[in-house]
C-alpha cells in the first residue's frame, strides 16, 4: 500500500510552514510520502527506512534537525554556514557528510560563471537526512527516482546516500564537456585567426578549471574515507558502491589536470605568437631605419651652411647623391643580412 501526499514538487517560494520532502517505508512495507512533521517523529521511532529532505531556508524544517532528529548542535550549526568545508565527521549514532555541488550559472551573461551549493547529509542506522538551501537539481532527480521506485529505499538508506552523492559528483561531467568546447574554440582563435581577445577568455577558463579542482580536492578525501574506513553504518558491500563514486572523482581530477595543461600550453603558444609578431615588427622597423640611415647622414652633410659644397653647383648633383644614398643603404642591408643581424 502506498500513501501519497499532494506535495510532489517544490516551488521557489515556499510558505514558512511547508513540510519537508520525505519518503518512509515502514517495517510492514507501507510507503508514505511527504508526511507531516509530527508523523515523522513517530515514524522515526517505529523504525523502517526513511529519507527526509530539509530546505534550510525554511525555518520550521530546519528546526526539525534539533527537535526531531536531535543531531549534535555543531553539526546543525554547520548546515547554516554557506562556507562550511567539505568533510566527513562521525558522531555518536550518525555520520555527517558535507559535499559541494557545482553547476554553470544559467542566470548570468558570463558563460564561465560557476555557482556552488553545499549539501549536508546525516546518515543514521535507518534514516537519511539531507539539508540544503533552496532547490537542488541532484536532490530533485533522486527524489523522482525514489518516488517512481520506492523499493530502492528498502535496500538501505546507505544506497540512497550513494545515489545522491553519485548524482552530485556526476554534475561535474557536463561542465567538463563545456570546458572541452571552450578549449577547442580558444585553440582555433589562437592558432588559426589569432584573436587578441582570446587571452582574456583563456584566463577565465583557466580560473574555472582551477576553481573546479579546488572544490573537488576535499571531495576526493571524503570519498576515500567512505570507501575505505570501517564503519558500523556502512557495510563492506555498500562501500563498493562508494568506490565507484571515488573512481568518478579520480576521472574528473585527471580531466581537470589535462585541461589545465592544455590551457597553459595554449597560453604559452599565444604569448609566443605575440613575441614572434613583435619580432617581425621590430625587424621591419629595423630595415626602415637601416635604409634611412644613409639619407640622414648624406643629407645632413650636404645641408650644412658652407659656401662651397661638392656637387652643389652641378645640375645632376641631386640624382647622383640619391643614387649614392640608395646604394649605401643597399650595401648596409646586404652586410647586415650576411652577418645574420637582420
C-alpha atoms as a PDB file:
ATOM      1  CA  UNK A   1       0.000   0.000   0.000  1.00  0.00           C
ATOM      2  CA  UNK A   2       1.293   3.440  -0.883  1.00  0.00           C
ATOM      3  CA  UNK A   3       0.115   6.713   0.656  1.00  0.00           C
ATOM      4  CA  UNK A   4       0.975   9.776  -1.408  1.00  0.00           C
ATOM      5  CA  UNK A   5       0.566  13.302  -0.125  1.00  0.00           C
ATOM      6  CA  UNK A   6      -0.410  16.029  -2.597  1.00  0.00           C
ATOM      7  CA  UNK A   7       3.015  17.696  -2.259  1.00  0.00           C
ATOM      8  CA  UNK A   8       5.163  16.420  -5.140  1.00  0.00           C
ATOM      9  CA  UNK A   9       7.348  19.313  -6.295  1.00  0.00           C
ATOM     10  CA  UNK A  10       8.742  22.320  -4.514  1.00  0.00           C
ATOM     11  CA  UNK A  11       8.274  25.838  -5.748  1.00  0.00           C
ATOM     12  CA  UNK A  12      10.870  28.519  -5.309  1.00  0.00           C
ATOM     13  CA  UNK A  13       8.649  30.454  -2.915  1.00  0.00           C
ATOM     14  CA  UNK A  14       7.682  28.101  -0.115  1.00  0.00           C
ATOM     15  CA  UNK A  15       5.419  29.135   2.730  1.00  0.00           C
ATOM     16  CA  UNK A  16       7.074  29.153   6.140  1.00  0.00           C
ATOM     17  CA  UNK A  17       5.141  26.054   7.301  1.00  0.00           C
ATOM     18  CA  UNK A  18       5.909  23.865   4.271  1.00  0.00           C
ATOM     19  CA  UNK A  19       6.625  20.286   5.424  1.00  0.00           C
ATOM     20  CA  UNK A  20       9.863  18.689   4.271  1.00  0.00           C
ATOM     21  CA  UNK A  21      10.026  16.253   1.413  1.00  0.00           C
ATOM     22  CA  UNK A  22      10.183  12.716   2.809  1.00  0.00           C
ATOM     23  CA  UNK A  23       9.866   9.061   1.856  1.00  0.00           C
ATOM     24  CA  UNK A  24       9.255   6.407   4.509  1.00  0.00           C
ATOM     25  CA  UNK A  25       8.954   2.637   4.247  1.00  0.00           C
ATOM     26  CA  UNK A  26       7.556   1.046   7.377  1.00  0.00           C
ATOM     27  CA  UNK A  27       8.662  -2.387   8.653  1.00  0.00           C
ATOM     28  CA  UNK A  28       5.406  -3.762   7.198  1.00  0.00           C
ATOM     29  CA  UNK A  29       6.307  -2.495   3.699  1.00  0.00           C
ATOM     30  CA  UNK A  30       3.978   0.511   3.632  1.00  0.00           C
ATOM     31  CA  UNK A  31       5.287   3.589   1.759  1.00  0.00           C
ATOM     32  CA  UNK A  32       4.453   7.085   2.964  1.00  0.00           C
ATOM     33  CA  UNK A  33       5.429  10.223   1.051  1.00  0.00           C
ATOM     34  CA  UNK A  34       5.763  13.748   2.454  1.00  0.00           C
ATOM     35  CA  UNK A  35       4.443  13.022   5.923  1.00  0.00           C
ATOM     36  CA  UNK A  36       3.582  15.739   8.409  1.00  0.00           C
ATOM     37  CA  UNK A  37       6.471  16.717  10.731  1.00  0.00           C
ATOM     38  CA  UNK A  38       4.627  15.260  13.712  1.00  0.00           C
ATOM     39  CA  UNK A  39       4.277  11.974  11.881  1.00  0.00           C
ATOM     40  CA  UNK A  40       7.982  11.952  11.056  1.00  0.00           C
ATOM     41  CA  UNK A  41       8.864  11.755  14.743  1.00  0.00           C
ATOM     42  CA  UNK A  42       6.556   8.755  15.123  1.00  0.00           C
ATOM     43  CA  UNK A  43       7.969   7.096  12.006  1.00  0.00           C
ATOM     44  CA  UNK A  44      11.488   7.621  13.306  1.00  0.00           C
ATOM     45  CA  UNK A  45      10.573   5.806  16.496  1.00  0.00           C
ATOM     46  CA  UNK A  46       8.865   2.920  14.671  1.00  0.00           C
ATOM     47  CA  UNK A  47      11.940   2.027  12.624  1.00  0.00           C
ATOM     48  CA  UNK A  48      11.858   1.213   8.944  1.00  0.00           C
ATOM     49  CA  UNK A  49      13.821   3.222   6.396  1.00  0.00           C
ATOM     50  CA  UNK A  50      13.366   6.960   5.991  1.00  0.00           C
ATOM     51  CA  UNK A  51      14.718   9.744   3.803  1.00  0.00           C
ATOM     52  CA  UNK A  52      13.915  13.328   4.753  1.00  0.00           C
ATOM     53  CA  UNK A  53      15.000  16.300   2.627  1.00  0.00           C
ATOM     54  CA  UNK A  54      15.106  19.596   4.508  1.00  0.00           C
ATOM     55  CA  UNK A  55      15.303  23.052   2.995  1.00  0.00           C
ATOM     56  CA  UNK A  56      17.380  25.074   5.468  1.00  0.00           C
ATOM     57  CA  UNK A  57      15.860  28.320   4.179  1.00  0.00           C
ATOM     58  CA  UNK A  58      12.526  27.223   5.714  1.00  0.00           C
ATOM     59  CA  UNK A  59      12.869  27.777   9.452  1.00  0.00           C
ATOM     60  CA  UNK A  60      10.290  25.205  10.508  1.00  0.00           C
ATOM     61  CA  UNK A  61      12.053  22.497   8.507  1.00  0.00           C
ATOM     62  CA  UNK A  62      15.499  23.350   9.804  1.00  0.00           C
ATOM     63  CA  UNK A  63      14.246  23.249  13.397  1.00  0.00           C
ATOM     64  CA  UNK A  64      13.486  19.540  12.917  1.00  0.00           C
ATOM     65  CA  UNK A  65      17.214  18.771  12.878  1.00  0.00           C
ATOM     66  CA  UNK A  66      17.388  19.682  16.537  1.00  0.00           C
ATOM     67  CA  UNK A  67      13.906  18.917  17.847  1.00  0.00           C
ATOM     68  CA  UNK A  68      13.019  15.756  15.912  1.00  0.00           C
ATOM     69  CA  UNK A  69      16.307  14.104  14.975  1.00  0.00           C
ATOM     70  CA  UNK A  70      18.315  15.623  17.861  1.00  0.00           C
ATOM     71  CA  UNK A  71      21.534  15.949  15.906  1.00  0.00           C
ATOM     72  CA  UNK A  72      24.634  17.393  17.514  1.00  0.00           C
ATOM     73  CA  UNK A  73      24.480  21.213  17.775  1.00  0.00           C
ATOM     74  CA  UNK A  74      27.823  21.600  15.988  1.00  0.00           C
ATOM     75  CA  UNK A  75      26.555  19.630  13.001  1.00  0.00           C
ATOM     76  CA  UNK A  76      23.311  21.622  12.955  1.00  0.00           C
ATOM     77  CA  UNK A  77      25.316  24.837  13.059  1.00  0.00           C
ATOM     78  CA  UNK A  78      27.356  23.733  10.042  1.00  0.00           C
ATOM     79  CA  UNK A  79      24.184  23.422   7.957  1.00  0.00           C
ATOM     80  CA  UNK A  80      23.627  27.172   8.316  1.00  0.00           C
ATOM     81  CA  UNK A  81      27.147  28.119   7.277  1.00  0.00           C
ATOM     82  CA  UNK A  82      27.438  28.502   3.479  1.00  0.00           C
ATOM     83  CA  UNK A  83      31.242  28.457   3.816  1.00  0.00           C
ATOM     84  CA  UNK A  84      31.461  25.096   5.542  1.00  0.00           C
ATOM     85  CA  UNK A  85      34.290  22.990   4.197  1.00  0.00           C
ATOM     86  CA  UNK A  86      33.700  19.659   2.514  1.00  0.00           C
ATOM     87  CA  UNK A  87      34.259  16.998   5.154  1.00  0.00           C
ATOM     88  CA  UNK A  88      33.080  13.804   6.823  1.00  0.00           C
ATOM     89  CA  UNK A  89      32.616  13.589  10.575  1.00  0.00           C
ATOM     90  CA  UNK A  90      31.427  10.685  12.687  1.00  0.00           C
ATOM     91  CA  UNK A  91      29.175  11.474  15.629  1.00  0.00           C
ATOM     92  CA  UNK A  92      27.571   9.087  18.045  1.00  0.00           C
ATOM     93  CA  UNK A  93      24.815   7.350  16.094  1.00  0.00           C
ATOM     94  CA  UNK A  94      25.253   9.071  12.712  1.00  0.00           C
ATOM     95  CA  UNK A  95      27.683  10.167  10.010  1.00  0.00           C
ATOM     96  CA  UNK A  96      27.757  13.785   8.908  1.00  0.00           C
ATOM     97  CA  UNK A  97      28.873  14.463   5.317  1.00  0.00           C
ATOM     98  CA  UNK A  98      29.268  17.842   3.600  1.00  0.00           C
ATOM     99  CA  UNK A  99      29.688  17.851  -0.157  1.00  0.00           C
ATOM    100  CA  UNK A 100      29.601  20.689  -2.671  1.00  0.00           C
ATOM    101  CA  UNK A 101      27.564  20.587  -5.867  1.00  0.00           C
ATOM    102  CA  UNK A 102      28.598  22.711  -8.831  1.00  0.00           C
ATOM    103  CA  UNK A 103      26.935  23.977 -11.993  1.00  0.00           C
ATOM    104  CA  UNK A 104      27.451  26.670 -14.606  1.00  0.00           C
ATOM    105  CA  UNK A 105      25.291  29.659 -13.738  1.00  0.00           C
ATOM    106  CA  UNK A 106      22.381  29.967 -16.147  1.00  0.00           C
ATOM    107  CA  UNK A 107      21.073  33.328 -14.918  1.00  0.00           C
ATOM    108  CA  UNK A 108      24.147  35.411 -15.846  1.00  0.00           C
ATOM    109  CA  UNK A 109      25.665  36.602 -19.122  1.00  0.00           C
ATOM    110  CA  UNK A 110      29.093  35.268 -18.160  1.00  0.00           C
ATOM    111  CA  UNK A 111      29.483  31.780 -19.722  1.00  0.00           C
ATOM    112  CA  UNK A 112      32.281  30.985 -17.261  1.00  0.00           C
ATOM    113  CA  UNK A 113      30.358  31.848 -14.105  1.00  0.00           C
ATOM    114  CA  UNK A 114      30.232  28.952 -11.663  1.00  0.00           C
ATOM    115  CA  UNK A 115      27.666  28.511  -8.911  1.00  0.00           C
ATOM    116  CA  UNK A 116      28.065  26.127  -5.989  1.00  0.00           C
ATOM    117  CA  UNK A 117      25.751  24.804  -3.322  1.00  0.00           C
ATOM    118  CA  UNK A 118      26.562  22.807  -0.202  1.00  0.00           C
ATOM    119  CA  UNK A 119      24.733  19.564   0.520  1.00  0.00           C
ATOM    120  CA  UNK A 120      24.657  18.253   4.094  1.00  0.00           C
ATOM    121  CA  UNK A 121      23.865  14.577   4.734  1.00  0.00           C
ATOM    122  CA  UNK A 122      23.083  12.886   8.056  1.00  0.00           C
ATOM    123  CA  UNK A 123      23.296   9.107   7.809  1.00  0.00           C
ATOM    124  CA  UNK A 124      21.813   7.113  10.673  1.00  0.00           C
ATOM    125  CA  UNK A 125      21.119   3.402  11.181  1.00  0.00           C
ATOM    126  CA  UNK A 126      17.822   3.521   9.285  1.00  0.00           C
ATOM    127  CA  UNK A 127      17.395   7.125   8.195  1.00  0.00           C
ATOM    128  CA  UNK A 128      18.989   9.633   5.836  1.00  0.00           C
ATOM    129  CA  UNK A 129      18.503  13.380   6.216  1.00  0.00           C
ATOM    130  CA  UNK A 130      19.709  15.758   3.515  1.00  0.00           C
ATOM    131  CA  UNK A 131      19.875  19.515   4.049  1.00  0.00           C
ATOM    132  CA  UNK A 132      20.400  22.287   1.511  1.00  0.00           C
ATOM    133  CA  UNK A 133      19.320  25.887   0.937  1.00  0.00           C
ATOM    134  CA  UNK A 134      16.761  26.237  -1.837  1.00  0.00           C
ATOM    135  CA  UNK A 135      16.201  23.817  -4.722  1.00  0.00           C
ATOM    136  CA  UNK A 136      18.985  21.437  -5.724  1.00  0.00           C
ATOM    137  CA  UNK A 137      18.965  19.553  -9.019  1.00  0.00           C
ATOM    138  CA  UNK A 138      20.617  16.352  -7.782  1.00  0.00           C
ATOM    139  CA  UNK A 139      18.152  16.025  -4.903  1.00  0.00           C
ATOM    140  CA  UNK A 140      15.200  16.578  -7.264  1.00  0.00           C
ATOM    141  CA  UNK A 141      16.423  13.865  -9.637  1.00  0.00           C
ATOM    142  CA  UNK A 142      16.994  11.308  -6.871  1.00  0.00           C
ATOM    143  CA  UNK A 143      13.651  12.195  -5.312  1.00  0.00           C
ATOM    144  CA  UNK A 144      11.824  11.488  -8.561  1.00  0.00           C
ATOM    145  CA  UNK A 145      13.707   8.221  -8.892  1.00  0.00           C
ATOM    146  CA  UNK A 146      12.789   7.107  -5.379  1.00  0.00           C
ATOM    147  CA  UNK A 147       9.160   8.100  -5.873  1.00  0.00           C
ATOM    148  CA  UNK A 148       8.950   6.044  -9.049  1.00  0.00           C
ATOM    149  CA  UNK A 149      10.687   3.075  -7.383  1.00  0.00           C
ATOM    150  CA  UNK A 150      10.189   3.172  -3.590  1.00  0.00           C
ATOM    151  CA  UNK A 151      11.731  -0.305  -3.377  1.00  0.00           C
ATOM    152  CA  UNK A 152      15.154   1.350  -3.808  1.00  0.00           C
ATOM    153  CA  UNK A 153      14.853   2.761  -0.307  1.00  0.00           C
ATOM    154  CA  UNK A 154      14.200  -0.715   1.038  1.00  0.00           C
ATOM    155  CA  UNK A 155      17.758  -1.680   0.074  1.00  0.00           C
ATOM    156  CA  UNK A 156      19.019   0.661   2.775  1.00  0.00           C
ATOM    157  CA  UNK A 157      19.483   4.341   3.383  1.00  0.00           C
ATOM    158  CA  UNK A 158      23.160   3.862   2.534  1.00  0.00           C
ATOM    159  CA  UNK A 159      22.170   3.150  -1.066  1.00  0.00           C
ATOM    160  CA  UNK A 160      20.046   6.300  -1.099  1.00  0.00           C
ATOM    161  CA  UNK A 161      23.066   8.262   0.134  1.00  0.00           C
ATOM    162  CA  UNK A 162      25.142   6.682  -2.637  1.00  0.00           C
ATOM    163  CA  UNK A 163      22.596   7.750  -5.265  1.00  0.00           C
ATOM    164  CA  UNK A 164      22.562  11.337  -4.009  1.00  0.00           C
ATOM    165  CA  UNK A 165      26.354  11.665  -3.790  1.00  0.00           C
ATOM    166  CA  UNK A 166      26.796   9.955  -7.144  1.00  0.00           C
ATOM    167  CA  UNK A 167      24.375  12.346  -8.855  1.00  0.00           C
ATOM    168  CA  UNK A 168      26.041  15.345  -7.189  1.00  0.00           C
ATOM    169  CA  UNK A 169      29.512  14.287  -8.356  1.00  0.00           C
ATOM    170  CA  UNK A 170      28.244  13.481 -11.845  1.00  0.00           C
ATOM    171  CA  UNK A 171      27.200  17.132 -12.179  1.00  0.00           C
ATOM    172  CA  UNK A 172      30.889  17.833 -12.867  1.00  0.00           C
ATOM    173  CA  UNK A 173      30.799  15.940 -16.173  1.00  0.00           C
ATOM    174  CA  UNK A 174      28.558  18.388 -18.127  1.00  0.00           C
ATOM    175  CA  UNK A 175      30.876  21.185 -17.007  1.00  0.00           C
ATOM    176  CA  UNK A 176      33.880  19.206 -18.261  1.00  0.00           C
ATOM    177  CA  UNK A 177      32.209  18.838 -21.655  1.00  0.00           C
ATOM    178  CA  UNK A 178      31.590  22.587 -21.745  1.00  0.00           C
ATOM    179  CA  UNK A 179      35.212  23.276 -20.827  1.00  0.00           C
ATOM    180  CA  UNK A 180      36.304  20.956 -23.648  1.00  0.00           C
ATOM    181  CA  UNK A 181      34.272  23.053 -26.080  1.00  0.00           C
ATOM    182  CA  UNK A 182      35.732  26.247 -24.622  1.00  0.00           C
ATOM    183  CA  UNK A 183      39.267  24.956 -25.141  1.00  0.00           C
ATOM    184  CA  UNK A 184      38.564  23.873 -28.731  1.00  0.00           C
ATOM    185  CA  UNK A 185      37.247  27.342 -29.521  1.00  0.00           C
ATOM    186  CA  UNK A 186      40.194  29.030 -27.830  1.00  0.00           C
ATOM    187  CA  UNK A 187      42.729  26.908 -29.716  1.00  0.00           C
ATOM    188  CA  UNK A 188      41.101  27.869 -33.010  1.00  0.00           C
ATOM    189  CA  UNK A 189      41.123  31.545 -32.054  1.00  0.00           C
ATOM    190  CA  UNK A 190      44.796  31.381 -31.057  1.00  0.00           C
ATOM    191  CA  UNK A 191      46.296  29.176 -33.779  1.00  0.00           C
ATOM    192  CA  UNK A 192      44.046  29.988 -36.759  1.00  0.00           C
ATOM    193  CA  UNK A 193      42.806  33.551 -36.512  1.00  0.00           C
ATOM    194  CA  UNK A 194      44.984  34.831 -33.628  1.00  0.00           C
ATOM    195  CA  UNK A 195      42.223  36.699 -31.867  1.00  0.00           C
ATOM    196  CA  UNK A 196      43.863  39.140 -29.457  1.00  0.00           C
ATOM    197  CA  UNK A 197      40.856  38.947 -27.108  1.00  0.00           C
ATOM    198  CA  UNK A 198      41.453  35.199 -26.628  1.00  0.00           C
ATOM    199  CA  UNK A 199      43.903  35.836 -23.779  1.00  0.00           C
ATOM    200  CA  UNK A 200      41.124  37.193 -21.563  1.00  0.00           C
ATOM    201  CA  UNK A 201      38.965  34.123 -22.206  1.00  0.00           C
ATOM    202  CA  UNK A 202      41.984  31.897 -21.588  1.00  0.00           C
ATOM    203  CA  UNK A 203      42.323  33.355 -18.109  1.00  0.00           C
ATOM    204  CA  UNK A 204      38.577  32.928 -17.481  1.00  0.00           C
ATOM    205  CA  UNK A 205      38.583  29.255 -18.477  1.00  0.00           C
ATOM    206  CA  UNK A 206      41.743  28.564 -16.527  1.00  0.00           C
ATOM    207  CA  UNK A 207      40.204  30.169 -13.451  1.00  0.00           C
ATOM    208  CA  UNK A 208      37.126  27.969 -13.967  1.00  0.00           C
ATOM    209  CA  UNK A 209      39.300  24.828 -14.125  1.00  0.00           C
ATOM    210  CA  UNK A 210      41.248  25.807 -11.015  1.00  0.00           C
ATOM    211  CA  UNK A 211      38.014  26.532  -9.139  1.00  0.00           C
ATOM    212  CA  UNK A 212      36.603  23.121 -10.022  1.00  0.00           C
ATOM    213  CA  UNK A 213      39.817  21.483  -8.956  1.00  0.00           C
ATOM    214  CA  UNK A 214      39.739  23.359  -5.644  1.00  0.00           C
ATOM    215  CA  UNK A 215      36.185  22.213  -4.991  1.00  0.00           C
ATOM    216  CA  UNK A 216      36.968  18.619  -5.977  1.00  0.00           C
ATOM    217  CA  UNK A 217      40.093  18.060  -3.866  1.00  0.00           C
ATOM    218  CA  UNK A 218      38.351  17.760  -0.445  1.00  0.00           C
ATOM    219  CA  UNK A 219      35.602  15.646  -2.040  1.00  0.00           C
ATOM    220  CA  UNK A 220      38.277  13.166  -3.060  1.00  0.00           C
ATOM    221  CA  UNK A 221      39.289  12.729   0.564  1.00  0.00           C
ATOM    222  CA  UNK A 222      35.669  12.313   1.712  1.00  0.00           C
ATOM    223  CA  UNK A 223      35.018   9.589  -0.870  1.00  0.00           C
ATOM    224  CA  UNK A 224      38.253   7.870   0.073  1.00  0.00           C
ATOM    225  CA  UNK A 225      37.121   7.716   3.701  1.00  0.00           C
ATOM    226  CA  UNK A 226      33.636   6.457   2.776  1.00  0.00           C
ATOM    227  CA  UNK A 227      35.251   3.771   0.635  1.00  0.00           C
ATOM    228  CA  UNK A 228      37.948   2.503   2.972  1.00  0.00           C
ATOM    229  CA  UNK A 229      37.243   3.464   6.583  1.00  0.00           C
ATOM    230  CA  UNK A 230      35.375   0.775   8.574  1.00  0.00           C
ATOM    231  CA  UNK A 231      32.077   1.996   9.999  1.00  0.00           C
ATOM    232  CA  UNK A 232      29.114   0.393  11.705  1.00  0.00           C
ATOM    233  CA  UNK A 233      26.816   2.435   9.421  1.00  0.00           C
ATOM    234  CA  UNK A 234      28.466   1.337   6.163  1.00  0.00           C
ATOM    235  CA  UNK A 235      28.936  -2.330   5.387  1.00  0.00           C
ATOM    236  CA  UNK A 236      31.662  -3.604   3.109  1.00  0.00           C
ATOM    237  CA  UNK A 237      29.123  -4.364   0.369  1.00  0.00           C
ATOM    238  CA  UNK A 238      27.848  -0.775   0.400  1.00  0.00           C
ATOM    239  CA  UNK A 239      31.363   0.655   0.384  1.00  0.00           C
ATOM    240  CA  UNK A 240      31.861  -0.957  -3.018  1.00  0.00           C
ATOM    241  CA  UNK A 241      29.259   1.453  -4.399  1.00  0.00           C
ATOM    242  CA  UNK A 242      31.076   4.429  -2.923  1.00  0.00           C
ATOM    243  CA  UNK A 243      34.241   3.162  -4.577  1.00  0.00           C
ATOM    244  CA  UNK A 244      32.512   3.816  -7.901  1.00  0.00           C
ATOM    245  CA  UNK A 245      31.989   7.461  -6.885  1.00  0.00           C
ATOM    246  CA  UNK A 246      35.634   7.644  -5.859  1.00  0.00           C
ATOM    247  CA  UNK A 247      36.595   6.448  -9.345  1.00  0.00           C
ATOM    248  CA  UNK A 248      34.464   9.226 -10.837  1.00  0.00           C
ATOM    249  CA  UNK A 249      36.266  11.763  -8.647  1.00  0.00           C
ATOM    250  CA  UNK A 250      39.630  10.482  -9.886  1.00  0.00           C
ATOM    251  CA  UNK A 251      38.465  10.701 -13.515  1.00  0.00           C
ATOM    252  CA  UNK A 252      37.286  14.263 -13.038  1.00  0.00           C
ATOM    253  CA  UNK A 253      40.526  15.195 -11.300  1.00  0.00           C
ATOM    254  CA  UNK A 254      42.607  13.727 -14.160  1.00  0.00           C
ATOM    255  CA  UNK A 255      40.484  15.573 -16.724  1.00  0.00           C
ATOM    256  CA  UNK A 256      40.940  18.869 -14.871  1.00  0.00           C
ATOM    257  CA  UNK A 257      44.703  18.332 -14.762  1.00  0.00           C
ATOM    258  CA  UNK A 258      44.686  17.682 -18.511  1.00  0.00           C
ATOM    259  CA  UNK A 259      42.633  20.814 -19.175  1.00  0.00           C
ATOM    260  CA  UNK A 260      44.974  22.854 -17.010  1.00  0.00           C
ATOM    261  CA  UNK A 261      47.979  21.645 -19.023  1.00  0.00           C
ATOM    262  CA  UNK A 262      46.190  22.340 -22.313  1.00  0.00           C
ATOM    263  CA  UNK A 263      45.307  25.852 -21.225  1.00  0.00           C
ATOM    264  CA  UNK A 264      48.871  26.505 -20.092  1.00  0.00           C
ATOM    265  CA  UNK A 265      50.195  25.260 -23.436  1.00  0.00           C
ATOM    266  CA  UNK A 266      47.677  27.376 -25.348  1.00  0.00           C
ATOM    267  CA  UNK A 267      48.602  30.420 -23.294  1.00  0.00           C
ATOM    268  CA  UNK A 268      52.312  29.801 -23.948  1.00  0.00           C
ATOM    269  CA  UNK A 269      51.573  29.467 -27.671  1.00  0.00           C
ATOM    270  CA  UNK A 270      49.630  32.733 -27.599  1.00  0.00           C
ATOM    271  CA  UNK A 271      52.473  34.582 -25.881  1.00  0.00           C
ATOM    272  CA  UNK A 272      54.956  33.026 -28.324  1.00  0.00           C
ATOM    273  CA  UNK A 273      52.928  34.304 -31.265  1.00  0.00           C
ATOM    274  CA  UNK A 274      52.798  37.745 -29.676  1.00  0.00           C
ATOM    275  CA  UNK A 275      56.580  37.647 -29.286  1.00  0.00           C
ATOM    276  CA  UNK A 276      57.052  36.473 -32.887  1.00  0.00           C
ATOM    277  CA  UNK A 277      54.796  39.204 -34.210  1.00  0.00           C
ATOM    278  CA  UNK A 278      56.656  41.765 -32.144  1.00  0.00           C
ATOM    279  CA  UNK A 279      59.937  40.428 -33.536  1.00  0.00           C
ATOM    280  CA  UNK A 280      58.635  40.684 -37.102  1.00  0.00           C
ATOM    281  CA  UNK A 281      57.504  44.257 -36.484  1.00  0.00           C
ATOM    282  CA  UNK A 282      60.863  45.138 -34.927  1.00  0.00           C
ATOM    283  CA  UNK A 283      62.662  43.584 -37.898  1.00  0.00           C
ATOM    284  CA  UNK A 284      60.604  45.611 -40.361  1.00  0.00           C
ATOM    285  CA  UNK A 285      61.301  48.803 -38.439  1.00  0.00           C
ATOM    286  CA  UNK A 286      64.991  47.905 -38.386  1.00  0.00           C
ATOM    287  CA  UNK A 287      65.004  47.609 -42.183  1.00  0.00           C
ATOM    288  CA  UNK A 288      63.342  51.023 -42.496  1.00  0.00           C
ATOM    289  CA  UNK A 289      65.839  52.553 -40.061  1.00  0.00           C
ATOM    290  CA  UNK A 290      68.770  50.967 -41.922  1.00  0.00           C
ATOM    291  CA  UNK A 291      67.564  52.265 -45.275  1.00  0.00           C
ATOM    292  CA  UNK A 292      67.030  55.765 -43.902  1.00  0.00           C
ATOM    293  CA  UNK A 293      70.456  55.980 -42.226  1.00  0.00           C
ATOM    294  CA  UNK A 294      72.423  56.924 -45.411  1.00  0.00           C
ATOM    295  CA  UNK A 295      69.794  59.547 -46.256  1.00  0.00           C
ATOM    296  CA  UNK A 296      70.174  61.103 -42.832  1.00  0.00           C
ATOM    297  CA  UNK A 297      73.991  61.152 -42.994  1.00  0.00           C
ATOM    298  CA  UNK A 298      74.354  62.334 -46.576  1.00  0.00           C
ATOM    299  CA  UNK A 299      71.512  64.855 -46.365  1.00  0.00           C
ATOM    300  CA  UNK A 300      72.960  66.204 -43.146  1.00  0.00           C
ATOM    301  CA  UNK A 301      76.404  66.688 -44.691  1.00  0.00           C
ATOM    302  CA  UNK A 302      75.149  68.383 -47.866  1.00  0.00           C
ATOM    303  CA  UNK A 303      72.731  70.504 -45.891  1.00  0.00           C
ATOM    304  CA  UNK A 304      75.441  72.331 -43.918  1.00  0.00           C
ATOM    305  CA  UNK A 305      75.772  76.100 -44.332  1.00  0.00           C
ATOM    306  CA  UNK A 306      79.086  76.295 -46.175  1.00  0.00           C
ATOM    307  CA  UNK A 307      79.717  78.477 -49.195  1.00  0.00           C
ATOM    308  CA  UNK A 308      81.338  75.680 -51.178  1.00  0.00           C
ATOM    309  CA  UNK A 309      79.894  72.181 -51.074  1.00  0.00           C
ATOM    310  CA  UNK A 310      80.911  69.484 -53.598  1.00  0.00           C
ATOM    311  CA  UNK A 311      78.363  68.909 -56.386  1.00  0.00           C
ATOM    312  CA  UNK A 312      76.248  71.825 -55.166  1.00  0.00           C
ATOM    313  CA  UNK A 313      76.562  73.612 -58.478  1.00  0.00           C
ATOM    314  CA  UNK A 314      76.270  70.590 -60.710  1.00  0.00           C
ATOM    315  CA  UNK A 315      72.849  70.166 -62.412  1.00  0.00           C
ATOM    316  CA  UNK A 316      72.782  66.405 -61.820  1.00  0.00           C
ATOM    317  CA  UNK A 317      74.178  66.503 -58.263  1.00  0.00           C
ATOM    318  CA  UNK A 318      70.852  65.674 -56.605  1.00  0.00           C
ATOM    319  CA  UNK A 319      70.375  62.490 -58.622  1.00  0.00           C
ATOM    320  CA  UNK A 320      73.950  61.401 -58.034  1.00  0.00           C
ATOM    321  CA  UNK A 321      73.549  61.810 -54.277  1.00  0.00           C
ATOM    322  CA  UNK A 322      70.204  59.976 -54.378  1.00  0.00           C
ATOM    323  CA  UNK A 323      71.802  57.008 -56.123  1.00  0.00           C
ATOM    324  CA  UNK A 324      74.691  57.077 -53.676  1.00  0.00           C
ATOM    325  CA  UNK A 325      72.326  57.064 -50.693  1.00  0.00           C
ATOM    326  CA  UNK A 326      70.280  54.163 -52.092  1.00  0.00           C
ATOM    327  CA  UNK A 327      73.460  52.266 -52.854  1.00  0.00           C
ATOM    328  CA  UNK A 328      74.804  52.796 -49.339  1.00  0.00           C
ATOM    329  CA  UNK A 329      71.512  51.641 -47.865  1.00  0.00           C
ATOM    330  CA  UNK A 330      71.511  48.526 -50.046  1.00  0.00           C
ATOM    331  CA  UNK A 331      75.117  47.672 -49.169  1.00  0.00           C
ATOM    332  CA  UNK A 332      74.359  48.142 -45.471  1.00  0.00           C
ATOM    333  CA  UNK A 333      71.344  45.825 -45.679  1.00  0.00           C
ATOM    334  CA  UNK A 334      73.401  43.221 -47.544  1.00  0.00           C
ATOM    335  CA  UNK A 335      76.138  43.391 -44.908  1.00  0.00           C
ATOM    336  CA  UNK A 336      73.713  43.023 -42.016  1.00  0.00           C
ATOM    337  CA  UNK A 337      71.901  40.144 -43.719  1.00  0.00           C
ATOM    338  CA  UNK A 338      75.171  38.285 -44.326  1.00  0.00           C
ATOM    339  CA  UNK A 339      76.076  38.759 -40.677  1.00  0.00           C
ATOM    340  CA  UNK A 340      72.589  37.484 -39.818  1.00  0.00           C
ATOM    341  CA  UNK A 341      71.802  40.600 -37.872  1.00  0.00           C
ATOM    342  CA  UNK A 342      68.521  41.095 -39.763  1.00  0.00           C
END
